[in-house]
Amino acid sequence: AIGPGYPEGLIDIDASPAENLANLAKAKGVAVSDITACILDRPRHGKLIDAVRATGAAIRLIGDGDVAGVIHTTDPDETGIDIYLGTGGAPEGVLAAAALRCTGGQMQGRLILDTPEKVARAEKMGISDPKRVYRAQDMARGDVLFAATGVTDGNLLDGVKFGRTFITTHTIVLRSSSRTVREIKARHQ
């Protein structure tokens, strides 16, 4: 996943991490060593982390919050995150795609159907091509609204705070048709 402002197709799920990082660096007009990749810190990402490190790009490993990690690519000047790489759950992928649709970012994903049971389940749901590449536009169609409220403190949102007389929440609301990004800090009695 990358944020807005880049030519469509700049990233490719079938390209190596080195190729994607080189393409992004070229589009930004910087060296690969000036790119920061966000990756969820999981054992399944060991080879990916090694491949990114071999390019000289920086890595920000996160323990959780992969949707927030993707959203961080939409404002690299503020977050320092240029690209998000890795595998995760399909529901999180759809949420991340919705946020990117609202901001103009790009994302590619593919279902990991690595057992006959998963292939059969996907077929029951109407998925006939197990190798299909899904773009953000495929995962979140139409006029998309995305909203998230922090439950616990994270990199993107503050968590719920319980005061003596009110509760404070921190929410982000995005809309694809207007590319509006709203941040709401609310007090609830």
N, C-alpha and C. Protein backbone atom coordinates (compact mmCIF):
# COMPACT_ATOMS: atom_id res chain seq x y z
N ALA A 1 0.85 -1.19 0.00
CA ALA A 1 0.00 0.00 0.00
C ALA A 1 0.89 1.24 0.00
N ILE A 2 0.46 2.24 -0.76
CA ILE A 2 1.11 3.56 -0.77
C ILE A 2 0.03 4.62 -0.74
N GLY A 3 0.42 5.81 -0.36
CA GLY A 3 -0.51 6.92 -0.28
C GLY A 3 -0.80 7.55 -1.63
N PRO A 4 -1.49 8.68 -1.62
CA PRO A 4 -1.91 9.34 -2.86
C PRO A 4 -0.77 10.07 -3.56
N GLY A 5 -1.04 10.42 -4.83
CA GLY A 5 -0.11 11.27 -5.57
C GLY A 5 0.86 10.53 -6.47
N TYR A 6 0.70 9.23 -6.61
CA TYR A 6 1.61 8.45 -7.44
C TYR A 6 0.88 7.90 -8.65
N PRO A 7 1.61 7.64 -9.74
CA PRO A 7 0.96 7.05 -10.92
C PRO A 7 0.34 5.69 -10.57
N GLU A 8 -0.83 5.43 -11.14
CA GLU A 8 -1.50 4.15 -10.93
C GLU A 8 -0.58 3.02 -11.38
N GLY A 9 -0.51 1.97 -10.59
CA GLY A 9 0.31 0.81 -10.94
C GLY A 9 1.76 0.93 -10.52
N LEU A 10 2.09 1.94 -9.72
CA LEU A 10 3.48 2.11 -9.28
C LEU A 10 3.95 0.91 -8.46
N ILE A 11 3.06 0.36 -7.66
CA ILE A 11 3.41 -0.83 -6.88
C ILE A 11 2.77 -2.05 -7.54
N ASP A 12 3.39 -3.20 -7.32
CA ASP A 12 2.90 -4.44 -7.93
C ASP A 12 3.14 -5.57 -6.95
N ILE A 13 2.07 -6.25 -6.57
CA ILE A 13 2.16 -7.34 -5.60
C ILE A 13 3.07 -8.46 -6.07
N ASP A 14 3.23 -8.61 -7.38
CA ASP A 14 4.09 -9.67 -7.90
C ASP A 14 5.54 -9.23 -8.10
N ALA A 15 5.83 -7.97 -7.86
CA ALA A 15 7.22 -7.48 -7.91
C ALA A 15 7.89 -7.75 -6.56
N SER A 16 9.19 -7.78 -6.56
CA SER A 16 9.93 -7.98 -5.31
C SER A 16 9.85 -6.72 -4.46
N PRO A 17 10.09 -6.85 -3.15
CA PRO A 17 10.15 -5.65 -2.32
C PRO A 17 11.18 -4.65 -2.86
N ALA A 18 12.31 -5.13 -3.34
CA ALA A 18 13.34 -4.23 -3.88
C ALA A 18 12.81 -3.44 -5.07
N GLU A 19 12.08 -4.10 -5.97
CA GLU A 19 11.52 -3.40 -7.13
C GLU A 19 10.49 -2.36 -6.70
N ASN A 20 9.59 -2.73 -5.79
CA ASN A 20 8.58 -1.78 -5.34
C ASN A 20 9.21 -0.58 -4.63
N LEU A 21 10.21 -0.84 -3.80
CA LEU A 21 10.88 0.26 -3.10
C LEU A 21 11.63 1.15 -4.08
N ALA A 22 12.29 0.55 -5.08
CA ALA A 22 13.01 1.34 -6.09
C ALA A 22 12.03 2.19 -6.90
N ASN A 23 10.89 1.62 -7.29
CA ASN A 23 9.89 2.39 -8.04
C ASN A 23 9.35 3.55 -7.22
N LEU A 24 9.08 3.30 -5.95
CA LEU A 24 8.58 4.36 -5.08
C LEU A 24 9.62 5.45 -4.89
N ALA A 25 10.87 5.06 -4.64
CA ALA A 25 11.94 6.04 -4.47
C ALA A 25 12.10 6.89 -5.72
N LYS A 26 12.06 6.26 -6.88
CA LYS A 26 12.19 7.01 -8.14
C LYS A 26 11.04 8.00 -8.29
N ALA A 27 9.81 7.57 -7.99
CA ALA A 27 8.65 8.45 -8.10
C ALA A 27 8.73 9.62 -7.12
N LYS A 28 9.33 9.39 -5.95
CA LYS A 28 9.49 10.46 -4.96
C LYS A 28 10.71 11.33 -5.23
N GLY A 29 11.61 10.84 -6.08
CA GLY A 29 12.83 11.58 -6.35
C GLY A 29 13.83 11.50 -5.22
N VAL A 30 13.85 10.35 -4.53
CA VAL A 30 14.77 10.16 -3.41
C VAL A 30 15.48 8.82 -3.57
N ALA A 31 16.48 8.59 -2.74
CA ALA A 31 17.16 7.30 -2.71
C ALA A 31 16.30 6.29 -1.95
N VAL A 32 16.47 5.02 -2.23
CA VAL A 32 15.74 3.97 -1.51
C VAL A 32 16.02 4.08 -0.02
N SER A 33 17.21 4.50 0.35
CA SER A 33 17.55 4.65 1.77
C SER A 33 16.74 5.74 2.45
N ASP A 34 16.04 6.57 1.68
CA ASP A 34 15.17 7.61 2.25
C ASP A 34 13.72 7.15 2.37
N ILE A 35 13.44 5.92 2.01
CA ILE A 35 12.09 5.35 2.09
C ILE A 35 11.95 4.58 3.40
N THR A 36 10.77 4.69 4.02
CA THR A 36 10.47 3.91 5.22
C THR A 36 9.29 3.01 4.95
N ALA A 37 9.50 1.72 5.19
CA ALA A 37 8.45 0.72 5.03
C ALA A 37 7.91 0.34 6.40
N CYS A 38 6.60 0.26 6.50
CA CYS A 38 5.94 -0.21 7.72
C CYS A 38 5.56 -1.66 7.51
N ILE A 39 5.89 -2.50 8.48
CA ILE A 39 5.62 -3.94 8.39
C ILE A 39 5.16 -4.42 9.75
N LEU A 40 4.11 -5.23 9.77
CA LEU A 40 3.63 -5.84 11.00
C LEU A 40 4.67 -6.85 11.49
N ASP A 41 5.08 -6.73 12.73
CA ASP A 41 6.14 -7.56 13.31
C ASP A 41 5.59 -8.94 13.65
N ARG A 42 5.70 -9.84 12.66
CA ARG A 42 5.22 -11.21 12.81
C ARG A 42 6.26 -12.15 12.22
N PRO A 43 6.38 -13.37 12.76
CA PRO A 43 7.34 -14.33 12.19
C PRO A 43 7.14 -14.57 10.69
N ARG A 44 5.90 -14.51 10.23
CA ARG A 44 5.63 -14.75 8.80
C ARG A 44 6.28 -13.70 7.90
N HIS A 45 6.69 -12.58 8.48
CA HIS A 45 7.29 -11.50 7.70
C HIS A 45 8.82 -11.49 7.76
N GLY A 46 9.42 -12.53 8.32
CA GLY A 46 10.88 -12.58 8.47
C GLY A 46 11.63 -12.38 7.16
N LYS A 47 11.26 -13.11 6.12
CA LYS A 47 11.94 -12.98 4.83
C LYS A 47 11.68 -11.62 4.20
N LEU A 48 10.48 -11.10 4.37
CA LEU A 48 10.14 -9.77 3.85
C LEU A 48 11.00 -8.70 4.53
N ILE A 49 11.12 -8.78 5.83
CA ILE A 49 11.94 -7.82 6.58
C ILE A 49 13.39 -7.88 6.10
N ASP A 50 13.92 -9.09 5.93
CA ASP A 50 15.29 -9.24 5.43
C ASP A 50 15.44 -8.63 4.04
N ALA A 51 14.45 -8.85 3.17
CA ALA A 51 14.51 -8.31 1.81
C ALA A 51 14.49 -6.79 1.81
N VAL A 52 13.67 -6.20 2.68
CA VAL A 52 13.60 -4.73 2.75
C VAL A 52 14.90 -4.19 3.32
N ARG A 53 15.41 -4.82 4.36
CA ARG A 53 16.68 -4.37 4.95
C ARG A 53 17.81 -4.41 3.92
N ALA A 54 17.81 -5.40 3.06
CA ALA A 54 18.86 -5.54 2.04
C ALA A 54 18.88 -4.38 1.06
N THR A 55 17.75 -3.68 0.92
CA THR A 55 17.69 -2.54 -0.01
C THR A 55 18.26 -1.26 0.60
N GLY A 56 18.38 -1.23 1.92
CA GLY A 56 18.82 -0.01 2.59
C GLY A 56 17.68 0.86 3.05
N ALA A 57 16.44 0.48 2.73
CA ALA A 57 15.28 1.24 3.20
C ALA A 57 15.13 1.07 4.71
N ALA A 58 14.54 2.06 5.34
CA ALA A 58 14.25 1.96 6.77
C ALA A 58 12.99 1.13 6.96
N ILE A 59 12.87 0.54 8.14
CA ILE A 59 11.69 -0.25 8.47
C ILE A 59 11.14 0.23 9.80
N ARG A 60 9.83 0.39 9.85
CA ARG A 60 9.15 0.62 11.12
C ARG A 60 8.28 -0.59 11.39
N LEU A 61 8.70 -1.40 12.34
CA LEU A 61 7.93 -2.57 12.72
C LEU A 61 6.85 -2.17 13.71
N ILE A 62 5.64 -2.69 13.49
CA ILE A 62 4.54 -2.41 14.41
C ILE A 62 4.02 -3.72 14.98
N GLY A 63 3.59 -3.69 16.23
CA GLY A 63 3.10 -4.88 16.90
C GLY A 63 1.66 -5.21 16.59
N ASP A 64 0.89 -4.19 16.25
CA ASP A 64 -0.51 -4.37 15.86
C ASP A 64 -0.94 -3.11 15.12
N GLY A 65 -2.19 -3.09 14.69
CA GLY A 65 -2.68 -1.90 14.01
C GLY A 65 -2.30 -1.83 12.55
N ASP A 66 -2.43 -2.96 11.82
CA ASP A 66 -2.03 -2.95 10.42
C ASP A 66 -2.87 -2.00 9.57
N VAL A 67 -4.15 -1.79 9.92
CA VAL A 67 -4.96 -0.82 9.18
C VAL A 67 -4.40 0.59 9.39
N ALA A 68 -4.03 0.91 10.62
CA ALA A 68 -3.42 2.21 10.90
C ALA A 68 -2.09 2.34 10.15
N GLY A 69 -1.33 1.26 10.07
CA GLY A 69 -0.07 1.30 9.33
C GLY A 69 -0.29 1.67 7.88
N VAL A 70 -1.33 1.12 7.26
CA VAL A 70 -1.65 1.46 5.88
C VAL A 70 -2.08 2.92 5.79
N ILE A 71 -2.91 3.37 6.72
CA ILE A 71 -3.37 4.76 6.71
C ILE A 71 -2.19 5.72 6.84
N HIS A 72 -1.17 5.33 7.58
CA HIS A 72 0.01 6.18 7.74
C HIS A 72 0.70 6.49 6.41
N THR A 73 0.54 5.63 5.41
CA THR A 73 1.16 5.91 4.11
C THR A 73 0.54 7.12 3.42
N THR A 74 -0.64 7.53 3.88
CA THR A 74 -1.34 8.64 3.21
C THR A 74 -0.77 10.00 3.59
N ASP A 75 0.07 10.05 4.61
CA ASP A 75 0.68 11.32 5.02
C ASP A 75 2.12 11.08 5.49
N PRO A 76 3.01 10.70 4.55
CA PRO A 76 4.37 10.34 4.96
C PRO A 76 5.16 11.50 5.58
N ASP A 77 4.80 12.74 5.25
CA ASP A 77 5.51 13.88 5.87
C ASP A 77 5.24 13.93 7.37
N GLU A 78 4.04 13.54 7.77
CA GLU A 78 3.65 13.55 9.18
C GLU A 78 4.07 12.26 9.89
N THR A 79 3.88 11.11 9.22
CA THR A 79 4.08 9.81 9.88
C THR A 79 5.46 9.20 9.63
N GLY A 80 6.10 9.60 8.54
CA GLY A 80 7.38 9.01 8.17
C GLY A 80 7.24 7.67 7.45
N ILE A 81 6.01 7.22 7.18
CA ILE A 81 5.76 5.93 6.52
C ILE A 81 5.46 6.17 5.05
N ASP A 82 6.25 5.55 4.17
CA ASP A 82 6.06 5.70 2.72
C ASP A 82 5.31 4.54 2.09
N ILE A 83 5.46 3.34 2.63
CA ILE A 83 4.86 2.15 2.04
C ILE A 83 4.56 1.15 3.14
N TYR A 84 3.50 0.40 2.96
CA TYR A 84 3.15 -0.67 3.88
C TYR A 84 3.29 -1.98 3.12
N LEU A 85 3.96 -2.96 3.72
CA LEU A 85 4.18 -4.26 3.10
C LEU A 85 3.80 -5.36 4.08
N GLY A 86 3.26 -6.46 3.57
CA GLY A 86 3.02 -7.61 4.41
C GLY A 86 1.69 -8.29 4.13
N THR A 87 1.44 -9.35 4.89
CA THR A 87 0.20 -10.10 4.78
C THR A 87 -0.59 -9.94 6.07
N GLY A 88 -1.90 -10.08 5.93
CA GLY A 88 -2.77 -9.96 7.10
C GLY A 88 -4.12 -10.53 6.77
N GLY A 89 -5.08 -10.25 7.61
CA GLY A 89 -6.43 -10.77 7.43
C GLY A 89 -7.20 -10.05 6.34
N ALA A 90 -8.10 -10.77 5.70
CA ALA A 90 -8.92 -10.17 4.64
C ALA A 90 -9.79 -9.03 5.16
N PRO A 91 -10.43 -9.15 6.34
CA PRO A 91 -11.24 -8.01 6.82
C PRO A 91 -10.41 -6.74 7.00
N GLU A 92 -9.20 -6.90 7.53
CA GLU A 92 -8.32 -5.74 7.71
C GLU A 92 -7.92 -5.16 6.35
N GLY A 93 -7.72 -6.03 5.37
CA GLY A 93 -7.39 -5.57 4.03
C GLY A 93 -8.50 -4.73 3.43
N VAL A 94 -9.74 -5.15 3.63
CA VAL A 94 -10.88 -4.38 3.12
C VAL A 94 -10.97 -3.03 3.84
N LEU A 95 -10.77 -3.02 5.14
CA LEU A 95 -10.79 -1.74 5.88
C LEU A 95 -9.69 -0.81 5.39
N ALA A 96 -8.50 -1.35 5.21
CA ALA A 96 -7.38 -0.54 4.72
C ALA A 96 -7.67 -0.02 3.32
N ALA A 97 -8.24 -0.86 2.47
CA ALA A 97 -8.60 -0.43 1.11
C ALA A 97 -9.62 0.69 1.15
N ALA A 98 -10.59 0.61 2.05
CA ALA A 98 -11.59 1.67 2.18
C ALA A 98 -10.93 3.00 2.54
N ALA A 99 -10.01 2.96 3.48
CA ALA A 99 -9.31 4.19 3.88
C ALA A 99 -8.49 4.75 2.71
N LEU A 100 -7.83 3.87 1.97
CA LEU A 100 -7.03 4.33 0.82
C LEU A 100 -7.92 4.89 -0.28
N ARG A 101 -9.09 4.31 -0.50
CA ARG A 101 -10.02 4.85 -1.49
C ARG A 101 -10.41 6.28 -1.12
N CYS A 102 -10.51 6.56 0.17
CA CYS A 102 -10.92 7.89 0.63
C CYS A 102 -9.81 8.93 0.49
N THR A 103 -8.60 8.47 0.38
CA THR A 103 -7.46 9.40 0.33
C THR A 103 -6.74 9.40 -1.01
N GLY A 104 -7.06 8.44 -1.88
CA GLY A 104 -6.40 8.37 -3.18
C GLY A 104 -5.18 7.48 -3.21
N GLY A 105 -4.98 6.70 -2.18
CA GLY A 105 -3.84 5.80 -2.14
C GLY A 105 -4.05 4.56 -2.99
N GLN A 106 -3.03 3.72 -3.05
CA GLN A 106 -3.07 2.49 -3.84
C GLN A 106 -2.74 1.29 -2.96
N MET A 107 -3.35 0.17 -3.33
CA MET A 107 -3.09 -1.05 -2.58
C MET A 107 -3.37 -2.23 -3.49
N GLN A 108 -2.62 -3.28 -3.30
CA GLN A 108 -2.90 -4.54 -3.97
C GLN A 108 -2.88 -5.66 -2.95
N GLY A 109 -3.76 -6.62 -3.13
CA GLY A 109 -3.80 -7.77 -2.24
C GLY A 109 -4.26 -9.00 -2.98
N ARG A 110 -4.01 -10.11 -2.36
CA ARG A 110 -4.42 -11.40 -2.93
C ARG A 110 -4.80 -12.30 -1.76
N LEU A 111 -5.87 -13.05 -1.93
CA LEU A 111 -6.24 -14.01 -0.89
C LEU A 111 -5.19 -15.11 -0.82
N ILE A 112 -4.88 -15.54 0.37
CA ILE A 112 -3.94 -16.64 0.55
C ILE A 112 -4.79 -17.90 0.73
N LEU A 113 -4.95 -18.62 -0.36
CA LEU A 113 -5.75 -19.84 -0.37
C LEU A 113 -4.78 -21.02 -0.47
N ASP A 114 -4.19 -21.36 0.67
CA ASP A 114 -3.10 -22.33 0.69
C ASP A 114 -3.49 -23.73 1.13
N THR A 115 -4.79 -23.98 1.24
CA THR A 115 -5.26 -25.34 1.55
C THR A 115 -6.47 -25.63 0.67
N PRO A 116 -6.73 -26.90 0.40
CA PRO A 116 -7.93 -27.24 -0.39
C PRO A 116 -9.22 -26.74 0.27
N GLU A 117 -9.24 -26.72 1.61
CA GLU A 117 -10.42 -26.23 2.32
C GLU A 117 -10.65 -24.75 2.06
N LYS A 118 -9.59 -23.95 2.05
CA LYS A 118 -9.72 -22.52 1.78
C LYS A 118 -10.15 -22.26 0.35
N VAL A 119 -9.62 -23.04 -0.58
CA VAL A 119 -10.01 -22.90 -1.99
C VAL A 119 -11.49 -23.23 -2.14
N ALA A 120 -11.94 -24.31 -1.50
CA ALA A 120 -13.35 -24.71 -1.58
C ALA A 120 -14.26 -23.66 -0.96
N ARG A 121 -13.84 -23.10 0.17
CA ARG A 121 -14.63 -22.04 0.83
C ARG A 121 -14.73 -20.82 -0.06
N ALA A 122 -13.62 -20.44 -0.67
CA ALA A 122 -13.62 -19.28 -1.58
C ALA A 122 -14.54 -19.53 -2.77
N GLU A 123 -14.50 -20.75 -3.31
CA GLU A 123 -15.38 -21.09 -4.45
C GLU A 123 -16.85 -20.98 -4.05
N LYS A 124 -17.18 -21.41 -2.82
CA LYS A 124 -18.55 -21.29 -2.33
C LYS A 124 -18.99 -19.84 -2.25
N MET A 125 -18.04 -18.93 -2.03
CA MET A 125 -18.35 -17.50 -1.94
C MET A 125 -18.30 -16.82 -3.31
N GLY A 126 -18.07 -17.61 -4.36
CA GLY A 126 -18.09 -17.04 -5.71
C GLY A 126 -16.74 -16.60 -6.23
N ILE A 127 -15.67 -16.95 -5.54
CA ILE A 127 -14.33 -16.57 -5.98
C ILE A 127 -13.80 -17.69 -6.86
N SER A 128 -13.75 -17.42 -8.16
CA SER A 128 -13.36 -18.47 -9.11
C SER A 128 -11.86 -18.44 -9.44
N ASP A 129 -11.22 -17.30 -9.24
CA ASP A 129 -9.79 -17.16 -9.55
C ASP A 129 -9.02 -16.98 -8.24
N PRO A 130 -8.42 -18.05 -7.71
CA PRO A 130 -7.71 -17.94 -6.42
C PRO A 130 -6.45 -17.09 -6.48
N LYS A 131 -5.98 -16.76 -7.66
CA LYS A 131 -4.76 -15.96 -7.78
C LYS A 131 -5.05 -14.49 -8.14
N ARG A 132 -6.32 -14.12 -8.15
CA ARG A 132 -6.70 -12.76 -8.54
C ARG A 132 -6.04 -11.71 -7.64
N VAL A 133 -5.59 -10.65 -8.26
CA VAL A 133 -5.05 -9.50 -7.52
C VAL A 133 -6.18 -8.49 -7.36
N TYR A 134 -6.40 -8.09 -6.12
CA TYR A 134 -7.44 -7.12 -5.80
C TYR A 134 -6.79 -5.76 -5.54
N ARG A 135 -7.33 -4.74 -6.18
CA ARG A 135 -6.88 -3.37 -5.91
C ARG A 135 -7.84 -2.75 -4.89
N ALA A 136 -7.48 -1.61 -4.36
CA ALA A 136 -8.34 -0.93 -3.39
C ALA A 136 -9.73 -0.72 -3.98
N GLN A 137 -9.80 -0.39 -5.27
CA GLN A 137 -11.08 -0.14 -5.93
C GLN A 137 -11.94 -1.41 -6.00
N ASP A 138 -11.31 -2.57 -6.01
CA ASP A 138 -12.05 -3.83 -6.04
C ASP A 138 -12.59 -4.20 -4.66
N MET A 139 -11.86 -3.83 -3.64
CA MET A 139 -12.22 -4.21 -2.28
C MET A 139 -13.20 -3.25 -1.63
N ALA A 140 -13.22 -2.01 -2.11
CA ALA A 140 -14.11 -0.99 -1.53
C ALA A 140 -14.64 -0.14 -2.69
N ARG A 141 -15.85 -0.46 -3.14
CA ARG A 141 -16.42 0.19 -4.32
C ARG A 141 -17.39 1.30 -3.94
N GLY A 142 -17.64 2.18 -4.91
CA GLY A 142 -18.64 3.23 -4.73
C GLY A 142 -18.13 4.36 -3.87
N ASP A 143 -19.08 5.13 -3.33
CA ASP A 143 -18.73 6.23 -2.42
C ASP A 143 -18.47 5.61 -1.05
N VAL A 144 -17.23 5.59 -0.66
CA VAL A 144 -16.81 4.91 0.56
C VAL A 144 -16.69 5.89 1.71
N LEU A 145 -17.21 5.49 2.86
CA LEU A 145 -17.00 6.21 4.11
C LEU A 145 -16.20 5.29 5.03
N PHE A 146 -15.23 5.85 5.70
CA PHE A 146 -14.40 5.09 6.63
C PHE A 146 -14.39 5.85 7.94
N ALA A 147 -14.66 5.16 9.03
CA ALA A 147 -14.60 5.79 10.35
C ALA A 147 -13.93 4.82 11.31
N ALA A 148 -13.09 5.36 12.17
CA ALA A 148 -12.45 4.56 13.20
C ALA A 148 -12.32 5.41 14.46
N THR A 149 -12.60 4.80 15.60
CA THR A 149 -12.44 5.45 16.89
C THR A 149 -11.46 4.63 17.70
N GLY A 150 -10.49 5.30 18.30
CA GLY A 150 -9.50 4.61 19.11
C GLY A 150 -10.11 4.04 20.37
N VAL A 151 -9.79 2.81 20.67
CA VAL A 151 -10.21 2.19 21.92
C VAL A 151 -9.07 2.29 22.93
N THR A 152 -7.88 1.90 22.49
CA THR A 152 -6.67 2.09 23.28
C THR A 152 -5.75 3.03 22.50
N ASP A 153 -4.80 3.65 23.17
CA ASP A 153 -3.88 4.56 22.49
C ASP A 153 -3.10 3.81 21.43
N GLY A 154 -2.97 4.43 20.27
CA GLY A 154 -2.21 3.85 19.18
C GLY A 154 -1.48 4.94 18.42
N ASN A 155 -0.83 4.56 17.33
CA ASN A 155 -0.09 5.52 16.52
C ASN A 155 -1.01 6.48 15.78
N LEU A 156 -2.22 6.04 15.47
CA LEU A 156 -3.14 6.84 14.68
C LEU A 156 -4.13 7.61 15.54
N LEU A 157 -4.68 6.97 16.56
CA LEU A 157 -5.73 7.57 17.37
C LEU A 157 -5.45 7.39 18.86
N ASP A 158 -5.92 8.35 19.65
CA ASP A 158 -5.88 8.21 21.10
C ASP A 158 -7.00 7.27 21.52
N GLY A 159 -6.79 6.56 22.59
CA GLY A 159 -7.82 5.67 23.11
C GLY A 159 -8.85 6.42 23.92
N VAL A 160 -9.89 5.71 24.32
CA VAL A 160 -10.94 6.28 25.14
C VAL A 160 -10.35 6.69 26.50
N LYS A 161 -10.68 7.90 26.93
CA LYS A 161 -10.21 8.41 28.23
C LYS A 161 -11.42 8.63 29.13
N PHE A 162 -11.37 8.08 30.32
CA PHE A 162 -12.46 8.22 31.27
C PHE A 162 -12.10 9.29 32.29
N GLY A 163 -12.81 10.41 32.26
CA GLY A 163 -12.62 11.47 33.23
C GLY A 163 -13.65 11.36 34.34
N ARG A 164 -13.61 12.29 35.27
CA ARG A 164 -14.58 12.26 36.38
C ARG A 164 -15.99 12.56 35.91
N THR A 165 -16.13 13.46 34.92
CA THR A 165 -17.47 13.87 34.51
C THR A 165 -17.78 13.60 33.04
N PHE A 166 -16.80 13.13 32.28
CA PHE A 166 -17.06 12.84 30.86
C PHE A 166 -16.04 11.84 30.34
N ILE A 167 -16.36 11.31 29.18
CA ILE A 167 -15.48 10.38 28.47
C ILE A 167 -15.04 11.07 27.18
N THR A 168 -13.74 10.96 26.84
CA THR A 168 -13.21 11.57 25.62
C THR A 168 -12.88 10.47 24.62
N THR A 169 -13.28 10.71 23.35
CA THR A 169 -12.97 9.78 22.28
C THR A 169 -12.26 10.52 21.15
N HIS A 170 -11.54 9.78 20.35
CA HIS A 170 -10.79 10.33 19.21
C HIS A 170 -11.15 9.49 17.98
N THR A 171 -11.70 10.14 16.97
CA THR A 171 -12.22 9.47 15.79
C THR A 171 -11.67 10.11 14.53
N ILE A 172 -11.47 9.28 13.50
CA ILE A 172 -11.13 9.79 12.17
C ILE A 172 -12.24 9.33 11.22
N VAL A 173 -12.68 10.25 10.37
CA VAL A 173 -13.74 9.96 9.40
C VAL A 173 -13.25 10.39 8.03
N LEU A 174 -13.31 9.48 7.04
CA LEU A 174 -12.83 9.74 5.69
C LEU A 174 -13.97 9.49 4.70
N ARG A 175 -13.97 10.24 3.59
CA ARG A 175 -14.98 10.03 2.54
C ARG A 175 -14.29 10.06 1.18
N SER A 176 -14.60 9.06 0.35
CA SER A 176 -13.92 8.94 -0.93
C SER A 176 -14.33 10.00 -1.94
N SER A 177 -15.62 10.34 -2.03
CA SER A 177 -16.06 11.26 -3.09
C SER A 177 -15.50 12.66 -2.92
N SER A 178 -15.28 13.08 -1.70
CA SER A 178 -14.76 14.43 -1.45
C SER A 178 -13.31 14.43 -1.00
N ARG A 179 -12.76 13.24 -0.75
CA ARG A 179 -11.41 13.10 -0.19
C ARG A 179 -11.26 13.89 1.11
N THR A 180 -12.34 13.96 1.85
CA THR A 180 -12.36 14.67 3.12
C THR A 180 -11.80 13.78 4.22
N VAL A 181 -10.95 14.37 5.05
CA VAL A 181 -10.42 13.70 6.23
C VAL A 181 -10.80 14.56 7.43
N ARG A 182 -11.60 13.98 8.31
CA ARG A 182 -12.02 14.70 9.51
C ARG A 182 -11.49 13.97 10.73
N GLU A 183 -11.01 14.74 11.67
CA GLU A 183 -10.55 14.19 12.93
C GLU A 183 -11.45 14.80 14.00
N ILE A 184 -12.03 13.95 14.84
CA ILE A 184 -12.99 14.41 15.83
C ILE A 184 -12.54 13.97 17.21
N LYS A 185 -12.37 14.94 18.08
CA LYS A 185 -12.14 14.64 19.50
C LYS A 185 -13.41 15.08 20.22
N ALA A 186 -14.09 14.10 20.81
CA ALA A 186 -15.40 14.38 21.39
C ALA A 186 -15.40 14.10 22.89
N ARG A 187 -16.25 14.88 23.59
CA ARG A 187 -16.49 14.66 25.02
C ARG A 187 -17.91 14.16 25.18
N HIS A 188 -18.07 13.05 25.89
CA HIS A 188 -19.38 12.44 26.09
C HIS A 188 -19.71 12.50 27.57
N GLN A 189 -20.89 13.01 27.89
CA GLN A 189 -21.31 13.11 29.30
C GLN A 189 -21.64 11.75 29.86
